[in-house]
Amino acid sequence: MSKDYEALLYEKLADNKVRCQLCAHHCLIADGKRGICRVRENKAGVLYSLTYGKLIAAHVDPIEKKPMFHFYPGSRSFSIASPGCNFDCQWCQNWEISQGDSAAAAARCPYTPPQDVVSAAKREGCLSISYTYTEPTVFFEFTQDVGILAREAGLKNVYVSNGYMSPQTIALLARWLDAANVDIKAFSDEVYRKHICARLQPVLDACSLLKQAGVWLEITTLLIPGLNDDEAQIRGLTRYIVRELGAETPWHVSRFFPQYKYQNADATSVGSIEKAMEIGKAEGLRYVYAGNIASSADTYCPQCGAVLIKRTGMSTLSSRVSHMGACPVCGARIAGVGLSGEEGSA
C-alpha cells in the first residue's frame, strides 16, 4: 500500500494548515508539522496517519489483562498496538512503545493489512480484538478498518484507552466498538495539566458518550502516592462513576510501581489500594477490583455476597452466573456482557 494514509477527522484551513479533530487536543498543525501525538503529519495541507498498519505489538491475552472483568470473562483477546500516544504521562507503563519518536518506530514496523489481524484473531481462537498497550485513538483509522472486518467475522472489539477522543471519533466508534476500559488517571484537572499535558473534563465527557452509545465500559485508575490517592480525589471519582456512568460500572484501582520519568515516587501500598476500594464501595460502586496485587479478584454478587466468578491472576477459573445474567443464589442481575461464557448472555 502507499506509504502515506490520509487521516480521518480533520479540517483543512488557510495557508495549508489543518485542524485535527480526532482527539480533545484539536491540534492546529502547520504544513510539515505533526500533532501532539507525533504520528499525524500535515503534508501540503493534507493530514496523514504515519502508523496505519504498522503494528509494534501483537499478542494473545486473556481479556482480564485489559482489564475487562465483566466482558466475556475467560475469553482470549487478540491485542494489537501501533506506536504513539496523545498523552505525556511521566509514569507511563508502556513508554518504550508509546513515547519518543513514534513515527520513526512505526517506519521500522512491517505493514500488516487489517484482514490479517482478523485472520490471526480467528486462528488463535480469540473472541475479541483489543486495541491496547499504546493509545488506540491515535491509530484510529486502522482500528476502524480492523474493527469493521472483525464485527463482520463475528468478533468483538475492545478499546483500552485514556479516553481523550473527540465526540466525532466516538460517533464513529459507536458503530463497531463493543467495550472499552478507560483510564481515568486522576480526579483533578491540575494533575492532568501538570503531569499529562491534558485536561480532565474531556475524559469524563468521553466516558459519558461511550456509555450513552451502548459500549460496555469499565474504568481503571492507577493509584500514585501523593498524586491522585487523596480521599477527596478518590471520593470525587467514585461519586462521578456512580452518578454519571452507573453503580454497575466496574472500577479497577491498580497499584503503581515507579518507572519511566517517575522513578522517585514510592510504590503504592496495599493499604492505600484497600482504602480506595472501601471508599468506592461506600459511595455505591457494586464491582471494585484491585490491580497489580497478587490476590484474588473474584466477582461477588452485590446483593447476597456469593462468589460468582473465580479468578487467579489474570485468568478466570469459573463462572456461576446464569445464562440470564443472574446470581444463582438470590437471582440478582449481574452487570456485564457474556458473564456466563455464552454468546449473547448479559
C-alpha atoms as a PDB file:
ATOM      1  CA  MET A   1       0.000   0.000   0.000  1.00  0.00           C
ATOM      2  CA  SER A   2       1.008   3.647  -0.252  1.00  0.00           C
ATOM      3  CA  LYS A   3       3.387   4.911   2.410  1.00  0.00           C
ATOM      4  CA  ASP A   4       1.019   7.772   3.196  1.00  0.00           C
ATOM      5  CA  TYR A   5      -2.516   7.150   4.521  1.00  0.00           C
ATOM      6  CA  GLU A   6      -4.807  10.157   4.675  1.00  0.00           C
ATOM      7  CA  ALA A   7      -6.242  10.633   8.127  1.00  0.00           C
ATOM      8  CA  LEU A   8      -9.901  10.906   9.006  1.00  0.00           C
ATOM      9  CA  LEU A   9     -11.474  13.655  11.081  1.00  0.00           C
ATOM     10  CA  TYR A  10      -9.631  16.846  10.226  1.00  0.00           C
ATOM     11  CA  GLU A  11     -10.439  20.255   8.775  1.00  0.00           C
ATOM     12  CA  LYS A  12      -8.439  21.992   6.052  1.00  0.00           C
ATOM     13  CA  LEU A  13      -7.645  25.642   6.806  1.00  0.00           C
ATOM     14  CA  ALA A  14      -5.909  28.555   5.128  1.00  0.00           C
ATOM     15  CA  ASP A  15      -2.150  28.569   4.492  1.00  0.00           C
ATOM     16  CA  ASN A  16      -2.090  24.750   4.254  1.00  0.00           C
ATOM     17  CA  LYS A  17      -2.852  24.426   7.968  1.00  0.00           C
ATOM     18  CA  VAL A  18      -5.175  21.717   9.282  1.00  0.00           C
ATOM     19  CA  ARG A  19      -7.194  21.245  12.467  1.00  0.00           C
ATOM     20  CA  CYS A  20      -7.153  17.643  13.685  1.00  0.00           C
ATOM     21  CA  GLN A  21     -10.499  16.610  15.177  1.00  0.00           C
ATOM     22  CA  LEU A  22      -9.545  13.121  16.327  1.00  0.00           C
ATOM     23  CA  CYS A  23      -8.929  13.834  19.998  1.00  0.00           C
ATOM     24  CA  ALA A  24      -9.630  16.548  22.535  1.00  0.00           C
ATOM     25  CA  HIS A  25      -6.340  18.340  21.838  1.00  0.00           C
ATOM     26  CA  HIS A  26      -7.777  19.551  18.491  1.00  0.00           C
ATOM     27  CA  CYS A  27      -4.253  20.258  17.278  1.00  0.00           C
ATOM     28  CA  LEU A  28      -3.720  23.115  14.819  1.00  0.00           C
ATOM     29  CA  ILE A  29      -0.980  21.712  12.596  1.00  0.00           C
ATOM     30  CA  ALA A  30       1.076  23.782  10.192  1.00  0.00           C
ATOM     31  CA  ASP A  31       2.387  22.408   6.910  1.00  0.00           C
ATOM     32  CA  GLY A  32       5.246  19.983   7.583  1.00  0.00           C
ATOM     33  CA  LYS A  33       4.436  19.623  11.288  1.00  0.00           C
ATOM     34  CA  ARG A  34       2.900  16.893  13.437  1.00  0.00           C
ATOM     35  CA  GLY A  35       0.284  16.896  16.159  1.00  0.00           C
ATOM     36  CA  ILE A  36       0.886  16.256  19.862  1.00  0.00           C
ATOM     37  CA  CYS A  37       0.618  12.517  19.211  1.00  0.00           C
ATOM     38  CA  ARG A  38       3.607  12.759  16.829  1.00  0.00           C
ATOM     39  CA  VAL A  39       2.057  10.271  14.413  1.00  0.00           C
ATOM     40  CA  ARG A  40      -0.241  12.539  12.373  1.00  0.00           C
ATOM     41  CA  GLU A  41       1.525  14.868   9.952  1.00  0.00           C
ATOM     42  CA  ASN A  42       0.393  17.740   7.757  1.00  0.00           C
ATOM     43  CA  LYS A  43       1.855  17.413   4.265  1.00  0.00           C
ATOM     44  CA  ALA A  44       0.888  20.315   1.999  1.00  0.00           C
ATOM     45  CA  GLY A  45      -2.470  20.755   3.705  1.00  0.00           C
ATOM     46  CA  VAL A  46      -3.380  17.058   3.900  1.00  0.00           C
ATOM     47  CA  LEU A  47      -3.245  15.254   7.247  1.00  0.00           C
ATOM     48  CA  TYR A  48      -1.725  11.788   7.175  1.00  0.00           C
ATOM     49  CA  SER A  49      -1.576   8.930   9.661  1.00  0.00           C
ATOM     50  CA  LEU A  50       2.038   7.720   9.887  1.00  0.00           C
ATOM     51  CA  THR A  51       1.209   4.472  11.678  1.00  0.00           C
ATOM     52  CA  TYR A  52      -1.536   2.852   9.587  1.00  0.00           C
ATOM     53  CA  GLY A  53      -0.982  -0.911   9.708  1.00  0.00           C
ATOM     54  CA  LYS A  54       2.362  -0.515  11.497  1.00  0.00           C
ATOM     55  CA  LEU A  55       1.967  -2.834  14.466  1.00  0.00           C
ATOM     56  CA  ILE A  56       4.593  -2.621  17.175  1.00  0.00           C
ATOM     57  CA  ALA A  57       2.880  -5.301  19.286  1.00  0.00           C
ATOM     58  CA  ALA A  58       0.513  -8.210  18.642  1.00  0.00           C
ATOM     59  CA  HIS A  59      -0.235 -10.771  21.357  1.00  0.00           C
ATOM     60  CA  VAL A  60      -2.951 -13.104  22.582  1.00  0.00           C
ATOM     61  CA  ASP A  61      -4.069 -12.056  26.074  1.00  0.00           C
ATOM     62  CA  PRO A  62      -6.765 -13.087  28.500  1.00  0.00           C
ATOM     63  CA  ILE A  63      -9.463 -10.407  28.378  1.00  0.00           C
ATOM     64  CA  GLU A  64      -8.872  -9.903  32.108  1.00  0.00           C
ATOM     65  CA  LYS A  65      -5.486  -8.327  31.299  1.00  0.00           C
ATOM     66  CA  LYS A  66      -7.107  -5.257  29.703  1.00  0.00           C
ATOM     67  CA  PRO A  67      -8.541  -5.253  32.456  1.00  0.00           C
ATOM     68  CA  MET A  68     -12.084  -6.293  31.496  1.00  0.00           C
ATOM     69  CA  PHE A  69     -13.760  -8.386  34.205  1.00  0.00           C
ATOM     70  CA  HIS A  70     -17.389  -8.146  33.101  1.00  0.00           C
ATOM     71  CA  PHE A  71     -16.964  -8.672  29.355  1.00  0.00           C
ATOM     72  CA  TYR A  72     -16.779 -12.338  28.343  1.00  0.00           C
ATOM     73  CA  PRO A  73     -14.557 -13.375  31.280  1.00  0.00           C
ATOM     74  CA  GLY A  74     -12.244 -16.268  30.489  1.00  0.00           C
ATOM     75  CA  SER A  75     -12.080 -15.423  26.790  1.00  0.00           C
ATOM     76  CA  ARG A  76      -8.967 -14.634  24.753  1.00  0.00           C
ATOM     77  CA  SER A  77      -8.368 -11.304  23.031  1.00  0.00           C
ATOM     78  CA  PHE A  78      -6.013 -10.660  20.128  1.00  0.00           C
ATOM     79  CA  SER A  79      -4.258  -7.489  21.266  1.00  0.00           C
ATOM     80  CA  ILE A  80      -2.552  -5.030  18.923  1.00  0.00           C
ATOM     81  CA  ALA A  81      -0.806  -1.660  19.141  1.00  0.00           C
ATOM     82  CA  SER A  82       0.862   0.902  16.916  1.00  0.00           C
ATOM     83  CA  PRO A  83       3.430   3.384  18.266  1.00  0.00           C
ATOM     84  CA  GLY A  84       2.320   6.692  19.714  1.00  0.00           C
ATOM     85  CA  CYS A  85       0.163   8.446  22.303  1.00  0.00           C
ATOM     86  CA  ASN A  86      -1.577  11.792  22.735  1.00  0.00           C
ATOM     87  CA  PHE A  87      -0.614  11.961  26.434  1.00  0.00           C
ATOM     88  CA  ASP A  88       2.744  12.552  28.108  1.00  0.00           C
ATOM     89  CA  CYS A  89       2.322  10.659  31.369  1.00  0.00           C
ATOM     90  CA  GLN A  90       5.521  10.778  33.403  1.00  0.00           C
ATOM     91  CA  TRP A  91       4.745   7.336  34.840  1.00  0.00           C
ATOM     92  CA  CYS A  92       3.822   5.661  31.521  1.00  0.00           C
ATOM     93  CA  GLN A  93       3.712   1.877  31.871  1.00  0.00           C
ATOM     94  CA  ASN A  94       4.423   1.233  28.169  1.00  0.00           C
ATOM     95  CA  TRP A  95       6.717   4.179  27.459  1.00  0.00           C
ATOM     96  CA  GLU A  96       9.060   2.152  25.237  1.00  0.00           C
ATOM     97  CA  ILE A  97       6.393   1.902  22.525  1.00  0.00           C
ATOM     98  CA  SER A  98       4.158   4.895  23.243  1.00  0.00           C
ATOM     99  CA  GLN A  99       6.624   7.755  23.813  1.00  0.00           C
ATOM    100  CA  GLY A 100       9.637   9.117  21.935  1.00  0.00           C
ATOM    101  CA  ASP A 101       9.859   9.280  18.143  1.00  0.00           C
ATOM    102  CA  SER A 102       6.813   7.143  17.442  1.00  0.00           C
ATOM    103  CA  ALA A 103       6.812   7.897  13.712  1.00  0.00           C
ATOM    104  CA  ALA A 104      10.366   6.578  13.406  1.00  0.00           C
ATOM    105  CA  ALA A 105       9.382   3.486  15.370  1.00  0.00           C
ATOM    106  CA  ALA A 106       6.415   2.957  13.053  1.00  0.00           C
ATOM    107  CA  ALA A 107       8.637   3.267   9.981  1.00  0.00           C
ATOM    108  CA  ARG A 108      10.597   0.242  11.218  1.00  0.00           C
ATOM    109  CA  CYS A 109       7.448  -1.879  11.603  1.00  0.00           C
ATOM    110  CA  PRO A 110       6.297  -4.014   8.657  1.00  0.00           C
ATOM    111  CA  TYR A 111       2.859  -3.299   7.242  1.00  0.00           C
ATOM    112  CA  THR A 112       0.011  -5.557   8.400  1.00  0.00           C
ATOM    113  CA  PRO A 113      -3.279  -5.425   6.447  1.00  0.00           C
ATOM    114  CA  PRO A 114      -6.491  -5.221   8.522  1.00  0.00           C
ATOM    115  CA  GLN A 115      -7.720  -8.587   7.243  1.00  0.00           C
ATOM    116  CA  ASP A 116      -4.534 -10.249   8.520  1.00  0.00           C
ATOM    117  CA  VAL A 117      -5.297  -9.074  12.068  1.00  0.00           C
ATOM    118  CA  VAL A 118      -8.797 -10.550  11.880  1.00  0.00           C
ATOM    119  CA  SER A 119      -7.484 -13.809  10.409  1.00  0.00           C
ATOM    120  CA  ALA A 120      -4.888 -14.094  13.181  1.00  0.00           C
ATOM    121  CA  ALA A 121      -7.506 -13.481  15.866  1.00  0.00           C
ATOM    122  CA  LYS A 122      -9.717 -16.205  14.422  1.00  0.00           C
ATOM    123  CA  ARG A 123      -6.797 -18.602  14.028  1.00  0.00           C
ATOM    124  CA  GLU A 124      -5.788 -18.103  17.682  1.00  0.00           C
ATOM    125  CA  GLY A 125      -9.309 -18.818  18.921  1.00  0.00           C
ATOM    126  CA  CYS A 126      -9.892 -15.291  20.219  1.00  0.00           C
ATOM    127  CA  LEU A 127     -13.344 -13.905  20.890  1.00  0.00           C
ATOM    128  CA  SER A 128     -12.257 -10.287  20.512  1.00  0.00           C
ATOM    129  CA  ILE A 129      -9.648  -7.902  19.215  1.00  0.00           C
ATOM    130  CA  SER A 130      -8.283  -5.373  21.704  1.00  0.00           C
ATOM    131  CA  TYR A 131      -6.651  -2.117  20.669  1.00  0.00           C
ATOM    132  CA  THR A 132      -4.319  -1.587  23.597  1.00  0.00           C
ATOM    133  CA  TYR A 133      -0.793  -1.143  25.059  1.00  0.00           C
ATOM    134  CA  THR A 134      -0.469   2.338  23.458  1.00  0.00           C
ATOM    135  CA  GLU A 135      -3.335   4.795  22.872  1.00  0.00           C
ATOM    136  CA  PRO A 136      -5.627   3.344  20.179  1.00  0.00           C
ATOM    137  CA  THR A 137      -7.184   6.720  19.380  1.00  0.00           C
ATOM    138  CA  VAL A 138      -4.004   7.850  17.604  1.00  0.00           C
ATOM    139  CA  PHE A 139      -4.152   4.901  15.187  1.00  0.00           C
ATOM    140  CA  PHE A 140      -7.909   5.188  14.882  1.00  0.00           C
ATOM    141  CA  GLU A 141      -8.120   4.693  11.098  1.00  0.00           C
ATOM    142  CA  PHE A 142      -6.533   1.265  11.325  1.00  0.00           C
ATOM    143  CA  THR A 143      -8.603   0.245  14.366  1.00  0.00           C
ATOM    144  CA  GLN A 144     -11.762   1.183  12.476  1.00  0.00           C
ATOM    145  CA  ASP A 145     -10.855  -0.813   9.385  1.00  0.00           C
ATOM    146  CA  VAL A 146      -9.941  -3.818  11.537  1.00  0.00           C
ATOM    147  CA  GLY A 147     -12.972  -3.340  13.785  1.00  0.00           C
ATOM    148  CA  ILE A 148     -15.487  -3.349  10.938  1.00  0.00           C
ATOM    149  CA  LEU A 149     -13.976  -6.512   9.468  1.00  0.00           C
ATOM    150  CA  ALA A 150     -13.849  -8.081  12.932  1.00  0.00           C
ATOM    151  CA  ARG A 151     -17.536  -7.445  13.543  1.00  0.00           C
ATOM    152  CA  GLU A 152     -18.372  -8.976  10.150  1.00  0.00           C
ATOM    153  CA  ALA A 153     -16.347 -12.048  11.191  1.00  0.00           C
ATOM    154  CA  GLY A 154     -18.252 -12.387  14.472  1.00  0.00           C
ATOM    155  CA  LEU A 155     -15.516 -10.964  16.697  1.00  0.00           C
ATOM    156  CA  LYS A 156     -15.893  -8.322  19.406  1.00  0.00           C
ATOM    157  CA  ASN A 157     -13.889  -5.083  19.575  1.00  0.00           C
ATOM    158  CA  VAL A 158     -12.339  -3.595  22.727  1.00  0.00           C
ATOM    159  CA  TYR A 159     -10.571  -0.246  23.268  1.00  0.00           C
ATOM    160  CA  VAL A 160      -8.156   0.243  26.170  1.00  0.00           C
ATOM    161  CA  SER A 161      -7.865   4.000  26.180  1.00  0.00           C
ATOM    162  CA  ASN A 162      -7.036   7.191  28.035  1.00  0.00           C
ATOM    163  CA  GLY A 163     -10.437   8.476  26.911  1.00  0.00           C
ATOM    164  CA  TYR A 164      -9.208  11.641  25.207  1.00  0.00           C
ATOM    165  CA  MET A 165     -11.139  11.089  21.974  1.00  0.00           C
ATOM    166  CA  SER A 166     -13.406  13.695  20.433  1.00  0.00           C
ATOM    167  CA  PRO A 167     -17.198  13.342  20.162  1.00  0.00           C
ATOM    168  CA  GLN A 168     -16.765  12.890  16.384  1.00  0.00           C
ATOM    169  CA  THR A 169     -14.452   9.940  16.996  1.00  0.00           C
ATOM    170  CA  ILE A 170     -16.853   8.386  19.496  1.00  0.00           C
ATOM    171  CA  ALA A 171     -19.698   8.689  16.980  1.00  0.00           C
ATOM    172  CA  LEU A 172     -17.680   6.542  14.560  1.00  0.00           C
ATOM    173  CA  LEU A 173     -16.504   4.151  17.262  1.00  0.00           C
ATOM    174  CA  ALA A 174     -20.092   3.528  18.349  1.00  0.00           C
ATOM    175  CA  ARG A 175     -20.786   1.794  15.044  1.00  0.00           C
ATOM    176  CA  TRP A 176     -18.439  -1.118  15.754  1.00  0.00           C
ATOM    177  CA  LEU A 177     -16.920  -0.895  19.259  1.00  0.00           C
ATOM    178  CA  ASP A 178     -18.307  -3.329  21.856  1.00  0.00           C
ATOM    179  CA  ALA A 179     -16.398  -2.481  25.035  1.00  0.00           C
ATOM    180  CA  ALA A 180     -13.826  -0.092  26.459  1.00  0.00           C
ATOM    181  CA  ASN A 181     -11.676   0.267  29.530  1.00  0.00           C
ATOM    182  CA  VAL A 182     -10.932   3.950  30.111  1.00  0.00           C
ATOM    183  CA  ASP A 183      -8.102   5.022  32.392  1.00  0.00           C
ATOM    184  CA  ILE A 184      -9.196   7.995  34.491  1.00  0.00           C
ATOM    185  CA  LYS A 185      -5.758   8.947  35.742  1.00  0.00           C
ATOM    186  CA  ALA A 186      -6.800  11.429  38.432  1.00  0.00           C
ATOM    187  CA  PHE A 187      -9.867  13.360  39.503  1.00  0.00           C
ATOM    188  CA  SER A 188      -8.026  16.659  39.298  1.00  0.00           C
ATOM    189  CA  ASP A 189      -7.673  18.941  36.326  1.00  0.00           C
ATOM    190  CA  GLU A 190      -4.445  20.261  37.860  1.00  0.00           C
ATOM    191  CA  VAL A 191      -2.898  16.784  37.787  1.00  0.00           C
ATOM    192  CA  TYR A 192      -3.929  16.343  34.166  1.00  0.00           C
ATOM    193  CA  ARG A 193      -2.484  19.749  33.210  1.00  0.00           C
ATOM    194  CA  LYS A 194       0.777  19.429  35.133  1.00  0.00           C
ATOM    195  CA  HIS A 195       1.660  15.770  34.664  1.00  0.00           C
ATOM    196  CA  ILE A 196      -0.127  14.689  31.476  1.00  0.00           C
ATOM    197  CA  CYS A 197      -0.430  17.859  29.368  1.00  0.00           C
ATOM    198  CA  ALA A 198      -4.170  17.312  29.014  1.00  0.00           C
ATOM    199  CA  ARG A 199      -7.476  18.115  30.729  1.00  0.00           C
ATOM    200  CA  LEU A 200      -9.816  16.036  32.887  1.00  0.00           C
ATOM    201  CA  GLN A 201     -13.220  17.115  31.539  1.00  0.00           C
ATOM    202  CA  PRO A 202     -12.816  15.702  28.001  1.00  0.00           C
ATOM    203  CA  VAL A 203     -12.089  12.291  29.531  1.00  0.00           C
ATOM    204  CA  LEU A 204     -15.250  12.433  31.637  1.00  0.00           C
ATOM    205  CA  ASP A 205     -17.249  13.602  28.626  1.00  0.00           C
ATOM    206  CA  ALA A 206     -15.929  10.718  26.531  1.00  0.00           C
ATOM    207  CA  CYS A 207     -16.876   8.181  29.200  1.00  0.00           C
ATOM    208  CA  SER A 208     -20.423   9.526  29.266  1.00  0.00           C
ATOM    209  CA  LEU A 209     -20.698   9.435  25.474  1.00  0.00           C
ATOM    210  CA  LEU A 210     -19.358   5.878  25.285  1.00  0.00           C
ATOM    211  CA  LYS A 211     -21.869   4.801  27.926  1.00  0.00           C
ATOM    212  CA  GLN A 212     -24.716   6.510  26.064  1.00  0.00           C
ATOM    213  CA  ALA A 213     -23.635   4.795  22.841  1.00  0.00           C
ATOM    214  CA  GLY A 214     -24.113   1.375  24.426  1.00  0.00           C
ATOM    215  CA  VAL A 215     -20.418   0.497  24.695  1.00  0.00           C
ATOM    216  CA  TRP A 216     -19.726  -1.710  27.736  1.00  0.00           C
ATOM    217  CA  LEU A 217     -17.485   0.418  29.973  1.00  0.00           C
ATOM    218  CA  GLU A 218     -15.006  -0.358  32.744  1.00  0.00           C
ATOM    219  CA  ILE A 219     -12.806   2.235  34.480  1.00  0.00           C
ATOM    220  CA  THR A 220      -9.204   1.932  35.688  1.00  0.00           C
ATOM    221  CA  THR A 221      -7.215   4.222  37.978  1.00  0.00           C
ATOM    222  CA  LEU A 222      -3.512   3.732  38.654  1.00  0.00           C
ATOM    223  CA  LEU A 223      -3.163   4.945  42.240  1.00  0.00           C
ATOM    224  CA  ILE A 224       0.037   7.002  42.631  1.00  0.00           C
ATOM    225  CA  PRO A 225       1.150   8.143  46.107  1.00  0.00           C
ATOM    226  CA  GLY A 226       0.947  11.897  46.592  1.00  0.00           C
ATOM    227  CA  LEU A 227      -0.582  12.476  43.177  1.00  0.00           C
ATOM    228  CA  ASN A 228      -4.091  11.042  42.978  1.00  0.00           C
ATOM    229  CA  ASP A 229      -4.517   8.948  46.130  1.00  0.00           C
ATOM    230  CA  ASP A 230      -6.013  11.568  48.457  1.00  0.00           C
ATOM    231  CA  GLU A 231      -9.505  10.900  49.755  1.00  0.00           C
ATOM    232  CA  ALA A 232     -11.029  13.923  48.028  1.00  0.00           C
ATOM    233  CA  GLN A 233      -9.987  12.729  44.579  1.00  0.00           C
ATOM    234  CA  ILE A 234     -10.986   9.117  45.204  1.00  0.00           C
ATOM    235  CA  ARG A 235     -14.353  10.087  46.623  1.00  0.00           C
ATOM    236  CA  GLY A 236     -14.966  12.551  43.808  1.00  0.00           C
ATOM    237  CA  LEU A 237     -14.059   9.995  41.145  1.00  0.00           C
ATOM    238  CA  THR A 238     -16.191   7.212  42.569  1.00  0.00           C
ATOM    239  CA  ARG A 239     -19.145   9.561  43.047  1.00  0.00           C
ATOM    240  CA  TYR A 240     -18.784  10.603  39.409  1.00  0.00           C
ATOM    241  CA  ILE A 241     -18.781   6.968  38.254  1.00  0.00           C
ATOM    242  CA  VAL A 242     -21.917   6.161  40.261  1.00  0.00           C
ATOM    243  CA  ARG A 243     -23.753   9.328  39.224  1.00  0.00           C
ATOM    244  CA  GLU A 244     -22.802   9.554  35.536  1.00  0.00           C
ATOM    245  CA  LEU A 245     -21.855   6.035  34.449  1.00  0.00           C
ATOM    246  CA  GLY A 246     -23.853   3.889  36.859  1.00  0.00           C
ATOM    247  CA  ALA A 247     -23.108   1.993  40.046  1.00  0.00           C
ATOM    248  CA  GLU A 248     -22.758  -1.193  37.962  1.00  0.00           C
ATOM    249  CA  THR A 249     -19.635   0.169  36.219  1.00  0.00           C
ATOM    250  CA  PRO A 250     -16.592  -1.869  37.333  1.00  0.00           C
ATOM    251  CA  TRP A 251     -13.726   0.165  38.795  1.00  0.00           C
ATOM    252  CA  HIS A 252     -10.187  -1.250  38.764  1.00  0.00           C
ATOM    253  CA  VAL A 253      -7.872   0.536  41.187  1.00  0.00           C
ATOM    254  CA  SER A 254      -4.306  -0.528  40.462  1.00  0.00           C
ATOM    255  CA  ARG A 255      -1.034  -0.423  42.318  1.00  0.00           C
ATOM    256  CA  PHE A 256       1.729   1.837  40.926  1.00  0.00           C
ATOM    257  CA  PHE A 257       5.403   0.884  40.698  1.00  0.00           C
ATOM    258  CA  PRO A 258       7.996   3.569  39.836  1.00  0.00           C
ATOM    259  CA  GLN A 259       9.181   3.713  36.219  1.00  0.00           C
ATOM    260  CA  TYR A 260       9.879   5.967  33.228  1.00  0.00           C
ATOM    261  CA  LYS A 261      10.221   9.604  34.438  1.00  0.00           C
ATOM    262  CA  TYR A 262       8.510   8.996  37.772  1.00  0.00           C
ATOM    263  CA  GLN A 263      11.224   6.984  39.496  1.00  0.00           C
ATOM    264  CA  ASN A 264      11.322   8.992  42.715  1.00  0.00           C
ATOM    265  CA  ALA A 265       7.777   8.166  43.790  1.00  0.00           C
ATOM    266  CA  ASP A 266       7.009   5.328  46.173  1.00  0.00           C
ATOM    267  CA  ALA A 267       5.160   2.220  45.098  1.00  0.00           C
ATOM    268  CA  THR A 268       1.520   2.240  46.136  1.00  0.00           C
ATOM    269  CA  SER A 269       0.942   0.424  49.403  1.00  0.00           C
ATOM    270  CA  VAL A 270      -1.575  -2.365  49.592  1.00  0.00           C
ATOM    271  CA  GLY A 271      -3.249  -0.404  52.376  1.00  0.00           C
ATOM    272  CA  SER A 272      -3.842   2.552  50.044  1.00  0.00           C
ATOM    273  CA  ILE A 273      -5.468   0.261  47.482  1.00  0.00           C
ATOM    274  CA  GLU A 274      -7.690  -1.269  50.134  1.00  0.00           C
ATOM    275  CA  LYS A 275      -8.709   2.176  51.423  1.00  0.00           C
ATOM    276  CA  ALA A 276      -9.610   3.333  47.905  1.00  0.00           C
ATOM    277  CA  MET A 277     -11.664   0.193  47.381  1.00  0.00           C
ATOM    278  CA  GLU A 278     -13.520   0.785  50.648  1.00  0.00           C
ATOM    279  CA  ILE A 279     -14.338   4.356  49.604  1.00  0.00           C
ATOM    280  CA  GLY A 280     -15.584   3.185  46.210  1.00  0.00           C
ATOM    281  CA  LYS A 281     -17.873   0.608  47.777  1.00  0.00           C
ATOM    282  CA  ALA A 282     -19.103   3.097  50.380  1.00  0.00           C
ATOM    283  CA  GLU A 283     -20.015   5.505  47.565  1.00  0.00           C
ATOM    284  CA  GLY A 284     -22.143   2.802  45.977  1.00  0.00           C
ATOM    285  CA  LEU A 285     -19.952   1.047  43.408  1.00  0.00           C
ATOM    286  CA  ARG A 286     -21.015  -2.589  43.111  1.00  0.00           C
ATOM    287  CA  TYR A 287     -17.887  -4.011  41.494  1.00  0.00           C
ATOM    288  CA  VAL A 288     -14.470  -2.815  42.697  1.00  0.00           C
ATOM    289  CA  TYR A 289     -11.235  -4.640  41.902  1.00  0.00           C
ATOM    290  CA  ALA A 290      -7.584  -4.346  42.917  1.00  0.00           C
ATOM    291  CA  GLY A 291      -4.967  -4.392  40.180  1.00  0.00           C
ATOM    292  CA  ASN A 292      -1.246  -5.259  40.258  1.00  0.00           C
ATOM    293  CA  ILE A 293      -1.724  -7.135  43.516  1.00  0.00           C
ATOM    294  CA  ALA A 294      -1.130 -10.854  43.894  1.00  0.00           C
ATOM    295  CA  SER A 295      -4.532 -11.607  45.365  1.00  0.00           C
ATOM    296  CA  SER A 296      -7.935 -12.800  44.294  1.00  0.00           C
ATOM    297  CA  ALA A 297     -10.010 -10.589  42.029  1.00  0.00           C
ATOM    298  CA  ASP A 298     -13.230 -12.551  42.293  1.00  0.00           C
ATOM    299  CA  THR A 299     -16.613 -11.115  41.372  1.00  0.00           C
ATOM    300  CA  TYR A 300     -19.218 -11.167  44.152  1.00  0.00           C
ATOM    301  CA  CYS A 301     -22.949 -10.727  43.970  1.00  0.00           C
ATOM    302  CA  PRO A 302     -23.603  -7.157  45.161  1.00  0.00           C
ATOM    303  CA  GLN A 303     -26.867  -8.285  46.763  1.00  0.00           C
ATOM    304  CA  CYS A 304     -26.094 -11.511  48.644  1.00  0.00           C
ATOM    305  CA  GLY A 305     -22.280 -11.649  48.534  1.00  0.00           C
ATOM    306  CA  ALA A 306     -21.996 -15.011  46.808  1.00  0.00           C
ATOM    307  CA  VAL A 307     -18.808 -15.642  44.831  1.00  0.00           C
ATOM    308  CA  LEU A 308     -19.867 -15.674  41.190  1.00  0.00           C
ATOM    309  CA  ILE A 309     -16.662 -15.548  39.127  1.00  0.00           C
ATOM    310  CA  LYS A 310     -13.460 -17.099  40.456  1.00  0.00           C
ATOM    311  CA  ARG A 311     -10.152 -15.682  39.211  1.00  0.00           C
ATOM    312  CA  THR A 312      -6.468 -16.211  39.746  1.00  0.00           C
ATOM    313  CA  GLY A 313      -4.017 -13.655  38.454  1.00  0.00           C
ATOM    314  CA  MET A 314      -5.352 -12.515  35.084  1.00  0.00           C
ATOM    315  CA  SER A 315      -7.363 -15.618  34.350  1.00  0.00           C
ATOM    316  CA  THR A 316     -10.951 -16.615  35.055  1.00  0.00           C
ATOM    317  CA  LEU A 317     -11.304 -20.077  36.565  1.00  0.00           C
ATOM    318  CA  SER A 318     -15.079 -20.431  36.650  1.00  0.00           C
ATOM    319  CA  SER A 319     -18.351 -18.531  36.448  1.00  0.00           C
ATOM    320  CA  ARG A 320     -21.595 -19.299  38.258  1.00  0.00           C
ATOM    321  CA  VAL A 321     -23.527 -16.506  36.567  1.00  0.00           C
ATOM    322  CA  SER A 322     -26.642 -17.939  34.921  1.00  0.00           C
ATOM    323  CA  HIS A 323     -27.375 -17.721  31.208  1.00  0.00           C
ATOM    324  CA  MET A 324     -29.838 -14.965  32.130  1.00  0.00           C
ATOM    325  CA  GLY A 325     -27.007 -12.951  33.716  1.00  0.00           C
ATOM    326  CA  ALA A 326     -28.177 -13.518  37.272  1.00  0.00           C
ATOM    327  CA  CYS A 327     -26.820 -14.725  40.601  1.00  0.00           C
ATOM    328  CA  PRO A 328     -27.868 -18.392  41.070  1.00  0.00           C
ATOM    329  CA  VAL A 329     -28.277 -17.845  44.822  1.00  0.00           C
ATOM    330  CA  CYS A 330     -30.523 -14.776  45.080  1.00  0.00           C
ATOM    331  CA  GLY A 331     -31.439 -14.045  41.458  1.00  0.00           C
ATOM    332  CA  ALA A 332     -29.896 -10.544  41.399  1.00  0.00           C
ATOM    333  CA  ARG A 333     -28.969  -9.225  37.976  1.00  0.00           C
ATOM    334  CA  ILE A 334     -25.178  -9.123  37.448  1.00  0.00           C
ATOM    335  CA  ALA A 335     -23.979  -6.357  35.170  1.00  0.00           C
ATOM    336  CA  GLY A 336     -21.861  -7.237  32.174  1.00  0.00           C
ATOM    337  CA  VAL A 337     -21.742  -8.978  28.808  1.00  0.00           C
ATOM    338  CA  GLY A 338     -21.151 -12.681  28.312  1.00  0.00           C
ATOM    339  CA  LEU A 339     -20.639 -13.389  32.018  1.00  0.00           C
ATOM    340  CA  SER A 340     -21.792 -16.997  31.786  1.00  0.00           C
ATOM    341  CA  GLY A 341     -19.338 -17.663  28.977  1.00  0.00           C
ATOM    342  CA  GLU A 342     -22.125 -17.999  26.445  1.00  0.00           C
ATOM    343  CA  GLU A 343     -22.534 -15.781  23.383  1.00  0.00           C
ATOM    344  CA  GLY A 344     -25.405 -13.387  23.877  1.00  0.00           C
ATOM    345  CA  SER A 345     -25.684 -13.600  27.683  1.00  0.00           C
ATOM    346  CA  ALA A 346     -25.826 -10.335  29.542  1.00  0.00           C
END
